[in-house]
């Protein structure tokens, strides 16, 4: 009986190991080291390092904003030791994401997944290349989704994935992958409370940011002056207010003198629609509040206590 139990445990451990090894072998060639030279008080000096993931064979690399922020020079190191000069395409401090490009083609790439399908308890693998000598790997599970947490500069980063995968600053900007080897997030190590736990920006958010950066060089957003996080809706609430969405966005902070505060939006209000379009996640709000929405009247549908209210405001451009 004891021998059978040991054998079963070994088989389970072996299956887990095989899953991680397959993901690492599949993706590590597309995980790069990023080294920068920083601008310091009008002169060049100081260095920094992080990781990144190649998202297109013609040299586009996704990383964290804080990895390349204030860089005067950017160098990307491939797994085979090749060092390539890179140019900044664009960066987005609000999501701690950035895209750089190297002058090369035919590069290995990662496969982007769907972070909306992530479930708490799901296996995830973090890969980084902090030193340029090859990949470092850690694995764990998804601990929470839809978090809103403050980064190192005090900025609130929304819709974060929390894992028990331990990260170090050099792994920041590397991919978080599911057991099928698909990127579900970009790891970030600037969350102030990140001792022994990991956080990642969802890849669905990143894909929208990538599109904006490649098209415009920056992310244009309409600003209504709230910070929010995902909040499930009970079936009773869905039926009472005739809502199709199973979740919505809870207001966790309202900016002083912002459009939302002037319109009467309060903390703990639940935003269920913008101009009649259902809002289920923070990503939904990000997609709707593009630069084109700035300056145009908008009606926000909110739930407050047992009431549904329609609030009109005019978003500003962030």
C-alpha atoms as a PDB file:
ATOM      1  CA  UNK A   1       0.000   0.000   0.000  1.00  0.00           C
ATOM      2  CA  UNK A   2       2.785   2.403   0.957  1.00  0.00           C
ATOM      3  CA  UNK A   3       4.745   1.546  -2.216  1.00  0.00           C
ATOM      4  CA  UNK A   4       1.657   2.222  -4.369  1.00  0.00           C
ATOM      5  CA  UNK A   5       1.148   5.632  -2.716  1.00  0.00           C
ATOM      6  CA  UNK A   6       4.813   6.591  -3.254  1.00  0.00           C
ATOM      7  CA  UNK A   7       4.593   5.535  -6.904  1.00  0.00           C
ATOM      8  CA  UNK A   8       1.431   7.611  -7.400  1.00  0.00           C
ATOM      9  CA  UNK A   9       3.042  10.677  -5.801  1.00  0.00           C
ATOM     10  CA  UNK A  10       6.095  10.292  -8.027  1.00  0.00           C
ATOM     11  CA  UNK A  11       3.907  10.082 -11.132  1.00  0.00           C
ATOM     12  CA  UNK A  12       2.055  13.270 -10.154  1.00  0.00           C
ATOM     13  CA  UNK A  13       5.310  15.095  -9.475  1.00  0.00           C
ATOM     14  CA  UNK A  14       6.714  13.873 -12.767  1.00  0.00           C
ATOM     15  CA  UNK A  15       3.636  15.123 -14.661  1.00  0.00           C
ATOM     16  CA  UNK A  16       3.997  18.543 -13.001  1.00  0.00           C
ATOM     17  CA  UNK A  17       7.699  18.651 -13.869  1.00  0.00           C
ATOM     18  CA  UNK A  18       7.071  17.637 -17.460  1.00  0.00           C
ATOM     19  CA  UNK A  19       4.477  20.408 -17.866  1.00  0.00           C
ATOM     20  CA  UNK A  20       6.875  23.067 -16.551  1.00  0.00           C
ATOM     21  CA  UNK A  21       9.834  21.765 -18.576  1.00  0.00           C
ATOM     22  CA  UNK A  22       7.785  21.761 -21.805  1.00  0.00           C
ATOM     23  CA  UNK A  23       6.661  25.365 -21.255  1.00  0.00           C
ATOM     24  CA  UNK A  24      10.210  26.517 -20.484  1.00  0.00           C
ATOM     25  CA  UNK A  25      11.755  24.776 -23.499  1.00  0.00           C
ATOM     26  CA  UNK A  26       9.035  26.175 -25.749  1.00  0.00           C
ATOM     27  CA  UNK A  27       9.336  29.778 -24.570  1.00  0.00           C
ATOM     28  CA  UNK A  28      12.793  30.488 -23.152  1.00  0.00           C
ATOM     29  CA  UNK A  29      14.323  31.336 -26.594  1.00  0.00           C
ATOM     30  CA  UNK A  30      11.838  34.231 -26.814  1.00  0.00           C
ATOM     31  CA  UNK A  31      12.585  35.585 -23.318  1.00  0.00           C
ATOM     32  CA  UNK A  32      15.286  38.247 -23.411  1.00  0.00           C
ATOM     33  CA  UNK A  33      17.490  40.231 -21.081  1.00  0.00           C
ATOM     34  CA  UNK A  34      17.130  44.020 -21.256  1.00  0.00           C
ATOM     35  CA  UNK A  35      19.942  46.264 -20.080  1.00  0.00           C
ATOM     36  CA  UNK A  36      19.717  50.029 -20.048  1.00  0.00           C
ATOM     37  CA  UNK A  37      21.886  53.055 -19.463  1.00  0.00           C
ATOM     38  CA  UNK A  38      19.961  55.698 -17.539  1.00  0.00           C
ATOM     39  CA  UNK A  39      19.830  59.457 -17.837  1.00  0.00           C
ATOM     40  CA  UNK A  40      20.826  61.015 -14.530  1.00  0.00           C
ATOM     41  CA  UNK A  41      20.502  64.789 -13.963  1.00  0.00           C
ATOM     42  CA  UNK A  42      21.333  65.751 -17.518  1.00  0.00           C
ATOM     43  CA  UNK A  43      24.181  63.260 -17.902  1.00  0.00           C
ATOM     44  CA  UNK A  44      24.436  59.598 -18.802  1.00  0.00           C
ATOM     45  CA  UNK A  45      25.172  57.200 -15.985  1.00  0.00           C
ATOM     46  CA  UNK A  46      23.796  54.296 -14.027  1.00  0.00           C
ATOM     47  CA  UNK A  47      22.518  50.978 -15.321  1.00  0.00           C
ATOM     48  CA  UNK A  48      19.439  48.828 -14.925  1.00  0.00           C
ATOM     49  CA  UNK A  49      18.276  45.437 -16.082  1.00  0.00           C
ATOM     50  CA  UNK A  50      15.112  43.431 -16.552  1.00  0.00           C
ATOM     51  CA  UNK A  51      13.487  40.889 -18.824  1.00  0.00           C
ATOM     52  CA  UNK A  52      11.199  40.964 -21.831  1.00  0.00           C
ATOM     53  CA  UNK A  53       9.304  38.738 -24.257  1.00  0.00           C
ATOM     54  CA  UNK A  54       9.612  38.820 -28.051  1.00  0.00           C
ATOM     55  CA  UNK A  55       6.063  39.234 -29.397  1.00  0.00           C
ATOM     56  CA  UNK A  56       6.811  39.528 -33.140  1.00  0.00           C
ATOM     57  CA  UNK A  57       9.566  37.935 -35.266  1.00  0.00           C
ATOM     58  CA  UNK A  58      10.597  41.328 -36.655  1.00  0.00           C
ATOM     59  CA  UNK A  59      12.004  42.445 -33.314  1.00  0.00           C
ATOM     60  CA  UNK A  60       9.180  43.804 -31.143  1.00  0.00           C
ATOM     61  CA  UNK A  61       9.735  43.092 -27.443  1.00  0.00           C
ATOM     62  CA  UNK A  62       7.224  43.599 -24.609  1.00  0.00           C
ATOM     63  CA  UNK A  63       8.548  44.529 -21.170  1.00  0.00           C
ATOM     64  CA  UNK A  64       7.768  46.708 -18.135  1.00  0.00           C
ATOM     65  CA  UNK A  65       7.714  50.485 -18.341  1.00  0.00           C
ATOM     66  CA  UNK A  66       9.888  50.779 -15.237  1.00  0.00           C
ATOM     67  CA  UNK A  67      12.571  48.619 -16.872  1.00  0.00           C
ATOM     68  CA  UNK A  68      13.139  51.131 -19.722  1.00  0.00           C
ATOM     69  CA  UNK A  69      11.970  54.349 -18.067  1.00  0.00           C
ATOM     70  CA  UNK A  70      14.543  57.173 -18.385  1.00  0.00           C
ATOM     71  CA  UNK A  71      16.795  54.998 -20.552  1.00  0.00           C
ATOM     72  CA  UNK A  72      19.284  56.743 -22.843  1.00  0.00           C
ATOM     73  CA  UNK A  73      20.405  53.419 -24.325  1.00  0.00           C
ATOM     74  CA  UNK A  74      18.651  50.050 -24.468  1.00  0.00           C
ATOM     75  CA  UNK A  75      20.325  46.728 -25.243  1.00  0.00           C
ATOM     76  CA  UNK A  76      18.524  43.408 -25.655  1.00  0.00           C
ATOM     77  CA  UNK A  77      20.302  40.116 -25.006  1.00  0.00           C
ATOM     78  CA  UNK A  78      19.011  36.936 -26.657  1.00  0.00           C
ATOM     79  CA  UNK A  79      19.279  33.454 -25.166  1.00  0.00           C
ATOM     80  CA  UNK A  80      22.146  32.556 -27.523  1.00  0.00           C
ATOM     81  CA  UNK A  81      24.215  35.474 -26.205  1.00  0.00           C
ATOM     82  CA  UNK A  82      23.560  37.874 -29.091  1.00  0.00           C
ATOM     83  CA  UNK A  83      23.405  41.506 -27.961  1.00  0.00           C
ATOM     84  CA  UNK A  84      21.262  43.914 -29.994  1.00  0.00           C
ATOM     85  CA  UNK A  85      20.693  47.656 -29.710  1.00  0.00           C
ATOM     86  CA  UNK A  86      17.024  48.531 -29.218  1.00  0.00           C
ATOM     87  CA  UNK A  87      14.840  51.572 -29.728  1.00  0.00           C
ATOM     88  CA  UNK A  88      11.884  52.528 -27.551  1.00  0.00           C
ATOM     89  CA  UNK A  89       8.589  52.212 -29.464  1.00  0.00           C
ATOM     90  CA  UNK A  90       6.432  53.498 -26.627  1.00  0.00           C
ATOM     91  CA  UNK A  91       5.624  53.048 -22.971  1.00  0.00           C
ATOM     92  CA  UNK A  92       2.570  53.212 -20.753  1.00  0.00           C
ATOM     93  CA  UNK A  93       3.228  54.030 -17.074  1.00  0.00           C
ATOM     94  CA  UNK A  94      -0.433  53.434 -16.153  1.00  0.00           C
ATOM     95  CA  UNK A  95      -0.070  49.682 -16.837  1.00  0.00           C
ATOM     96  CA  UNK A  96       3.733  49.471 -16.348  1.00  0.00           C
ATOM     97  CA  UNK A  97       4.151  48.201 -19.923  1.00  0.00           C
ATOM     98  CA  UNK A  98       6.502  49.208 -22.733  1.00  0.00           C
ATOM     99  CA  UNK A  99       7.491  48.013 -26.208  1.00  0.00           C
ATOM    100  CA  UNK A 100      11.002  48.216 -27.651  1.00  0.00           C
ATOM    101  CA  UNK A 101      12.282  47.049 -31.038  1.00  0.00           C
ATOM    102  CA  UNK A 102      15.584  45.531 -32.137  1.00  0.00           C
ATOM    103  CA  UNK A 103      16.901  45.500 -35.681  1.00  0.00           C
ATOM    104  CA  UNK A 104      16.507  41.802 -36.395  1.00  0.00           C
ATOM    105  CA  UNK A 105      14.063  39.439 -38.093  1.00  0.00           C
ATOM    106  CA  UNK A 106      13.092  35.785 -37.863  1.00  0.00           C
ATOM    107  CA  UNK A 107      13.244  35.865 -34.069  1.00  0.00           C
ATOM    108  CA  UNK A 108      11.480  33.268 -31.865  1.00  0.00           C
ATOM    109  CA  UNK A 109       8.270  34.556 -30.308  1.00  0.00           C
ATOM    110  CA  UNK A 110       5.926  33.795 -27.428  1.00  0.00           C
ATOM    111  CA  UNK A 111       2.261  32.929 -27.987  1.00  0.00           C
ATOM    112  CA  UNK A 112      -0.254  35.281 -26.372  1.00  0.00           C
ATOM    113  CA  UNK A 113      -3.136  33.678 -24.468  1.00  0.00           C
ATOM    114  CA  UNK A 114      -6.379  34.908 -22.897  1.00  0.00           C
ATOM    115  CA  UNK A 115      -6.054  36.193 -19.329  1.00  0.00           C
ATOM    116  CA  UNK A 116      -9.857  36.423 -18.993  1.00  0.00           C
ATOM    117  CA  UNK A 117      -9.910  32.623 -18.756  1.00  0.00           C
ATOM    118  CA  UNK A 118      -7.533  32.481 -15.778  1.00  0.00           C
ATOM    119  CA  UNK A 119      -8.896  30.764 -12.687  1.00  0.00           C
ATOM    120  CA  UNK A 120      -7.700  30.911  -9.090  1.00  0.00           C
ATOM    121  CA  UNK A 121      -5.628  27.797  -8.385  1.00  0.00           C
ATOM    122  CA  UNK A 122      -4.419  27.457 -11.985  1.00  0.00           C
ATOM    123  CA  UNK A 123      -0.771  26.505 -12.618  1.00  0.00           C
ATOM    124  CA  UNK A 124       1.387  29.367 -13.944  1.00  0.00           C
ATOM    125  CA  UNK A 125       5.082  29.611 -14.807  1.00  0.00           C
ATOM    126  CA  UNK A 126       7.227  32.762 -14.721  1.00  0.00           C
ATOM    127  CA  UNK A 127      10.287  33.008 -16.971  1.00  0.00           C
ATOM    128  CA  UNK A 128      12.884  35.751 -16.798  1.00  0.00           C
ATOM    129  CA  UNK A 129      16.330  36.459 -18.191  1.00  0.00           C
ATOM    130  CA  UNK A 130      17.841  38.814 -15.613  1.00  0.00           C
ATOM    131  CA  UNK A 131      21.541  38.251 -16.351  1.00  0.00           C
ATOM    132  CA  UNK A 132      21.596  37.391 -20.041  1.00  0.00           C
ATOM    133  CA  UNK A 133      23.014  33.911 -19.388  1.00  0.00           C
ATOM    134  CA  UNK A 134      19.736  32.052 -19.859  1.00  0.00           C
ATOM    135  CA  UNK A 135      16.311  31.751 -18.339  1.00  0.00           C
ATOM    136  CA  UNK A 136      15.363  31.649 -14.680  1.00  0.00           C
ATOM    137  CA  UNK A 137      12.138  29.847 -13.909  1.00  0.00           C
ATOM    138  CA  UNK A 138       9.650  29.728 -11.045  1.00  0.00           C
ATOM    139  CA  UNK A 139       6.197  28.199 -10.898  1.00  0.00           C
ATOM    140  CA  UNK A 140       3.113  28.335  -8.724  1.00  0.00           C
ATOM    141  CA  UNK A 141      -0.589  29.031  -8.903  1.00  0.00           C
ATOM    142  CA  UNK A 142      -2.883  31.975  -9.515  1.00  0.00           C
ATOM    143  CA  UNK A 143      -3.808  33.326  -6.085  1.00  0.00           C
ATOM    144  CA  UNK A 144      -6.218  36.084  -7.165  1.00  0.00           C
ATOM    145  CA  UNK A 145      -7.353  38.001 -10.230  1.00  0.00           C
ATOM    146  CA  UNK A 146      -8.758  41.484 -10.731  1.00  0.00           C
ATOM    147  CA  UNK A 147      -6.621  43.091  -8.015  1.00  0.00           C
ATOM    148  CA  UNK A 148      -5.848  46.817  -7.862  1.00  0.00           C
ATOM    149  CA  UNK A 149      -2.513  47.540  -6.168  1.00  0.00           C
ATOM    150  CA  UNK A 150      -0.072  50.433  -5.875  1.00  0.00           C
ATOM    151  CA  UNK A 151       3.261  50.337  -7.661  1.00  0.00           C
ATOM    152  CA  UNK A 152       6.607  51.664  -6.457  1.00  0.00           C
ATOM    153  CA  UNK A 153       5.808  55.243  -7.532  1.00  0.00           C
ATOM    154  CA  UNK A 154       2.469  55.176  -5.710  1.00  0.00           C
ATOM    155  CA  UNK A 155       0.426  54.779  -8.918  1.00  0.00           C
ATOM    156  CA  UNK A 156      -2.522  52.380  -8.722  1.00  0.00           C
ATOM    157  CA  UNK A 157      -2.146  49.566 -11.265  1.00  0.00           C
ATOM    158  CA  UNK A 158      -5.488  47.921 -11.932  1.00  0.00           C
ATOM    159  CA  UNK A 159      -6.692  44.401 -12.781  1.00  0.00           C
ATOM    160  CA  UNK A 160      -3.486  42.752 -11.569  1.00  0.00           C
ATOM    161  CA  UNK A 161      -2.979  38.965 -11.467  1.00  0.00           C
ATOM    162  CA  UNK A 162      -1.612  37.785  -8.112  1.00  0.00           C
ATOM    163  CA  UNK A 163       0.354  34.541  -7.898  1.00  0.00           C
ATOM    164  CA  UNK A 164       2.490  32.751  -5.339  1.00  0.00           C
ATOM    165  CA  UNK A 165       5.338  32.746  -7.883  1.00  0.00           C
ATOM    166  CA  UNK A 166       8.255  34.526  -6.243  1.00  0.00           C
ATOM    167  CA  UNK A 167       9.877  37.197  -8.431  1.00  0.00           C
ATOM    168  CA  UNK A 168      13.037  39.248  -8.243  1.00  0.00           C
ATOM    169  CA  UNK A 169      13.494  42.642  -9.959  1.00  0.00           C
ATOM    170  CA  UNK A 170      15.582  41.137 -12.777  1.00  0.00           C
ATOM    171  CA  UNK A 171      12.650  38.923 -13.814  1.00  0.00           C
ATOM    172  CA  UNK A 172      10.415  41.969 -14.143  1.00  0.00           C
ATOM    173  CA  UNK A 173       9.075  42.287 -17.688  1.00  0.00           C
ATOM    174  CA  UNK A 174       9.227  38.553 -18.379  1.00  0.00           C
ATOM    175  CA  UNK A 175       6.177  36.467 -19.289  1.00  0.00           C
ATOM    176  CA  UNK A 176       3.779  34.627 -16.982  1.00  0.00           C
ATOM    177  CA  UNK A 177       2.582  31.523 -18.815  1.00  0.00           C
ATOM    178  CA  UNK A 178      -0.142  28.913 -18.417  1.00  0.00           C
ATOM    179  CA  UNK A 179       0.483  25.161 -18.604  1.00  0.00           C
ATOM    180  CA  UNK A 180      -0.040  25.241 -22.390  1.00  0.00           C
ATOM    181  CA  UNK A 181       2.801  27.729 -22.824  1.00  0.00           C
ATOM    182  CA  UNK A 182       0.615  30.738 -23.594  1.00  0.00           C
ATOM    183  CA  UNK A 183       1.454  34.132 -22.108  1.00  0.00           C
ATOM    184  CA  UNK A 184      -1.280  35.230 -19.690  1.00  0.00           C
ATOM    185  CA  UNK A 185       0.551  38.122 -18.044  1.00  0.00           C
ATOM    186  CA  UNK A 186       3.705  40.236 -17.875  1.00  0.00           C
ATOM    187  CA  UNK A 187       5.445  39.972 -14.518  1.00  0.00           C
ATOM    188  CA  UNK A 188       6.081  43.150 -12.574  1.00  0.00           C
ATOM    189  CA  UNK A 189       8.247  43.458  -9.465  1.00  0.00           C
ATOM    190  CA  UNK A 190       7.420  47.053  -8.521  1.00  0.00           C
ATOM    191  CA  UNK A 191       4.425  46.330  -6.296  1.00  0.00           C
ATOM    192  CA  UNK A 192       5.416  47.493  -2.828  1.00  0.00           C
ATOM    193  CA  UNK A 193       4.023  44.443  -1.010  1.00  0.00           C
ATOM    194  CA  UNK A 194       5.589  41.881  -3.351  1.00  0.00           C
ATOM    195  CA  UNK A 195       7.713  39.928  -0.859  1.00  0.00           C
ATOM    196  CA  UNK A 196       7.322  36.225  -1.568  1.00  0.00           C
ATOM    197  CA  UNK A 197       4.430  36.730  -3.985  1.00  0.00           C
ATOM    198  CA  UNK A 198       4.226  37.749  -7.610  1.00  0.00           C
ATOM    199  CA  UNK A 199       2.092  40.120  -9.641  1.00  0.00           C
ATOM    200  CA  UNK A 200       1.506  40.358 -13.372  1.00  0.00           C
ATOM    201  CA  UNK A 201      -0.297  42.681 -15.773  1.00  0.00           C
ATOM    202  CA  UNK A 202      -2.942  40.641 -17.688  1.00  0.00           C
ATOM    203  CA  UNK A 203      -2.048  39.902 -21.310  1.00  0.00           C
ATOM    204  CA  UNK A 204      -5.496  41.068 -22.471  1.00  0.00           C
ATOM    205  CA  UNK A 205      -4.650  44.512 -21.107  1.00  0.00           C
ATOM    206  CA  UNK A 206      -1.196  44.248 -22.680  1.00  0.00           C
ATOM    207  CA  UNK A 207      -2.574  43.427 -26.132  1.00  0.00           C
ATOM    208  CA  UNK A 208      -4.638  46.613 -26.153  1.00  0.00           C
ATOM    209  CA  UNK A 209      -1.636  48.620 -24.932  1.00  0.00           C
ATOM    210  CA  UNK A 210       0.595  47.047 -27.617  1.00  0.00           C
ATOM    211  CA  UNK A 211      -1.879  48.048 -30.325  1.00  0.00           C
ATOM    212  CA  UNK A 212      -1.958  51.641 -29.073  1.00  0.00           C
ATOM    213  CA  UNK A 213       1.837  51.888 -28.780  1.00  0.00           C
ATOM    214  CA  UNK A 214       2.455  50.462 -32.253  1.00  0.00           C
ATOM    215  CA  UNK A 215      -0.183  52.713 -33.804  1.00  0.00           C
ATOM    216  CA  UNK A 216       0.408  55.984 -31.930  1.00  0.00           C
ATOM    217  CA  UNK A 217       3.572  55.592 -29.884  1.00  0.00           C
ATOM    218  CA  UNK A 218       1.537  56.237 -26.740  1.00  0.00           C
ATOM    219  CA  UNK A 219      -1.724  55.156 -25.120  1.00  0.00           C
ATOM    220  CA  UNK A 220      -4.488  57.738 -25.385  1.00  0.00           C
ATOM    221  CA  UNK A 221      -7.102  57.464 -22.652  1.00  0.00           C
ATOM    222  CA  UNK A 222     -10.174  59.314 -21.603  1.00  0.00           C
ATOM    223  CA  UNK A 223      -9.947  60.145 -17.914  1.00  0.00           C
ATOM    224  CA  UNK A 224     -12.986  60.039 -15.628  1.00  0.00           C
ATOM    225  CA  UNK A 225     -11.072  60.093 -12.335  1.00  0.00           C
ATOM    226  CA  UNK A 226     -11.731  56.746 -10.670  1.00  0.00           C
ATOM    227  CA  UNK A 227      -9.758  53.631  -9.788  1.00  0.00           C
ATOM    228  CA  UNK A 228     -11.631  50.352  -9.857  1.00  0.00           C
ATOM    229  CA  UNK A 229     -11.411  46.616  -9.380  1.00  0.00           C
ATOM    230  CA  UNK A 230     -13.442  43.650 -10.591  1.00  0.00           C
ATOM    231  CA  UNK A 231     -16.430  42.722  -8.405  1.00  0.00           C
ATOM    232  CA  UNK A 232     -18.718  39.682  -8.931  1.00  0.00           C
ATOM    233  CA  UNK A 233     -22.459  40.327  -9.034  1.00  0.00           C
ATOM    234  CA  UNK A 234     -24.804  38.034  -7.145  1.00  0.00           C
ATOM    235  CA  UNK A 235     -27.533  36.326  -9.161  1.00  0.00           C
ATOM    236  CA  UNK A 236     -30.075  38.179  -7.067  1.00  0.00           C
ATOM    237  CA  UNK A 237     -28.568  41.532  -8.083  1.00  0.00           C
ATOM    238  CA  UNK A 238     -28.406  40.458 -11.728  1.00  0.00           C
ATOM    239  CA  UNK A 239     -32.089  39.505 -11.724  1.00  0.00           C
ATOM    240  CA  UNK A 240     -33.236  42.555  -9.753  1.00  0.00           C
ATOM    241  CA  UNK A 241     -31.565  45.019 -12.140  1.00  0.00           C
ATOM    242  CA  UNK A 242     -31.950  42.828 -15.282  1.00  0.00           C
ATOM    243  CA  UNK A 243     -28.188  42.674 -15.883  1.00  0.00           C
ATOM    244  CA  UNK A 244     -26.555  40.247 -18.301  1.00  0.00           C
ATOM    245  CA  UNK A 245     -23.026  40.635 -16.910  1.00  0.00           C
ATOM    246  CA  UNK A 246     -21.913  38.415 -14.025  1.00  0.00           C
ATOM    247  CA  UNK A 247     -19.378  40.956 -12.757  1.00  0.00           C
ATOM    248  CA  UNK A 248     -18.827  44.685 -12.750  1.00  0.00           C
ATOM    249  CA  UNK A 249     -16.323  47.323 -11.651  1.00  0.00           C
ATOM    250  CA  UNK A 250     -16.315  48.612  -8.082  1.00  0.00           C
ATOM    251  CA  UNK A 251     -15.056  52.157  -7.542  1.00  0.00           C
ATOM    252  CA  UNK A 252     -12.231  51.941  -4.998  1.00  0.00           C
ATOM    253  CA  UNK A 253     -11.056  55.561  -5.230  1.00  0.00           C
ATOM    254  CA  UNK A 254     -12.361  58.826  -6.714  1.00  0.00           C
ATOM    255  CA  UNK A 255      -9.878  61.486  -7.818  1.00  0.00           C
ATOM    256  CA  UNK A 256     -10.333  64.883  -6.216  1.00  0.00           C
ATOM    257  CA  UNK A 257     -11.878  67.430  -8.613  1.00  0.00           C
ATOM    258  CA  UNK A 258     -12.001  64.830 -11.400  1.00  0.00           C
ATOM    259  CA  UNK A 259     -14.962  64.369 -13.778  1.00  0.00           C
ATOM    260  CA  UNK A 260     -16.392  61.503 -11.694  1.00  0.00           C
ATOM    261  CA  UNK A 261     -16.273  63.429  -8.414  1.00  0.00           C
ATOM    262  CA  UNK A 262     -17.912  66.466 -10.027  1.00  0.00           C
ATOM    263  CA  UNK A 263     -20.682  64.191 -11.342  1.00  0.00           C
ATOM    264  CA  UNK A 264     -21.303  62.676  -7.886  1.00  0.00           C
ATOM    265  CA  UNK A 265     -19.686  59.242  -8.281  1.00  0.00           C
ATOM    266  CA  UNK A 266     -18.675  57.760  -4.909  1.00  0.00           C
ATOM    267  CA  UNK A 267     -16.375  55.057  -3.578  1.00  0.00           C
ATOM    268  CA  UNK A 268     -18.012  51.590  -3.589  1.00  0.00           C
ATOM    269  CA  UNK A 269     -20.369  52.515  -6.437  1.00  0.00           C
ATOM    270  CA  UNK A 270     -20.648  49.659  -8.943  1.00  0.00           C
ATOM    271  CA  UNK A 271     -20.252  50.694 -12.584  1.00  0.00           C
ATOM    272  CA  UNK A 272     -22.376  48.389 -14.748  1.00  0.00           C
ATOM    273  CA  UNK A 273     -22.478  50.307 -18.049  1.00  0.00           C
ATOM    274  CA  UNK A 274     -20.924  53.186 -20.003  1.00  0.00           C
ATOM    275  CA  UNK A 275     -23.286  54.778 -22.519  1.00  0.00           C
ATOM    276  CA  UNK A 276     -25.466  51.681 -22.319  1.00  0.00           C
ATOM    277  CA  UNK A 277     -22.578  49.278 -22.985  1.00  0.00           C
ATOM    278  CA  UNK A 278     -22.238  46.629 -20.278  1.00  0.00           C
ATOM    279  CA  UNK A 279     -19.067  46.835 -18.171  1.00  0.00           C
ATOM    280  CA  UNK A 280     -17.938  43.564 -16.594  1.00  0.00           C
ATOM    281  CA  UNK A 281     -14.216  44.150 -16.046  1.00  0.00           C
ATOM    282  CA  UNK A 282     -11.621  46.899 -15.724  1.00  0.00           C
ATOM    283  CA  UNK A 283     -10.400  45.850 -19.184  1.00  0.00           C
ATOM    284  CA  UNK A 284     -13.865  46.728 -20.541  1.00  0.00           C
ATOM    285  CA  UNK A 285     -13.486  50.237 -19.128  1.00  0.00           C
ATOM    286  CA  UNK A 286      -9.963  50.588 -20.549  1.00  0.00           C
ATOM    287  CA  UNK A 287     -11.172  49.576 -23.999  1.00  0.00           C
ATOM    288  CA  UNK A 288     -14.113  51.962 -23.869  1.00  0.00           C
ATOM    289  CA  UNK A 289     -12.228  54.935 -22.420  1.00  0.00           C
ATOM    290  CA  UNK A 290      -9.946  55.477 -25.400  1.00  0.00           C
ATOM    291  CA  UNK A 291      -8.680  58.884 -26.424  1.00  0.00           C
ATOM    292  CA  UNK A 292     -11.636  59.309 -28.780  1.00  0.00           C
ATOM    293  CA  UNK A 293     -14.019  59.382 -25.790  1.00  0.00           C
ATOM    294  CA  UNK A 294     -12.334  62.450 -24.270  1.00  0.00           C
ATOM    295  CA  UNK A 295     -14.470  65.575 -24.341  1.00  0.00           C
ATOM    296  CA  UNK A 296     -17.681  63.735 -25.250  1.00  0.00           C
ATOM    297  CA  UNK A 297     -20.663  63.470 -22.900  1.00  0.00           C
ATOM    298  CA  UNK A 298     -20.937  60.038 -21.324  1.00  0.00           C
ATOM    299  CA  UNK A 299     -23.613  58.407 -19.180  1.00  0.00           C
ATOM    300  CA  UNK A 300     -22.384  56.043 -16.468  1.00  0.00           C
ATOM    301  CA  UNK A 301     -24.840  53.509 -15.035  1.00  0.00           C
ATOM    302  CA  UNK A 302     -24.052  52.730 -11.406  1.00  0.00           C
ATOM    303  CA  UNK A 303     -25.518  50.624  -8.625  1.00  0.00           C
ATOM    304  CA  UNK A 304     -25.590  52.273  -5.213  1.00  0.00           C
ATOM    305  CA  UNK A 305     -27.299  50.442  -2.344  1.00  0.00           C
ATOM    306  CA  UNK A 306     -30.604  49.282  -3.871  1.00  0.00           C
ATOM    307  CA  UNK A 307     -30.709  51.925  -6.616  1.00  0.00           C
ATOM    308  CA  UNK A 308     -29.571  52.114 -10.213  1.00  0.00           C
ATOM    309  CA  UNK A 309     -28.470  55.634 -11.118  1.00  0.00           C
ATOM    310  CA  UNK A 310     -27.557  57.257 -14.425  1.00  0.00           C
ATOM    311  CA  UNK A 311     -24.777  59.830 -14.042  1.00  0.00           C
ATOM    312  CA  UNK A 312     -23.649  62.135 -16.870  1.00  0.00           C
ATOM    313  CA  UNK A 313     -20.085  63.454 -17.149  1.00  0.00           C
ATOM    314  CA  UNK A 314     -17.530  64.592 -19.722  1.00  0.00           C
ATOM    315  CA  UNK A 315     -14.234  62.630 -19.649  1.00  0.00           C
ATOM    316  CA  UNK A 316     -10.964  64.523 -19.997  1.00  0.00           C
ATOM    317  CA  UNK A 317      -7.902  63.216 -21.819  1.00  0.00           C
ATOM    318  CA  UNK A 318      -5.375  61.720 -19.425  1.00  0.00           C
END
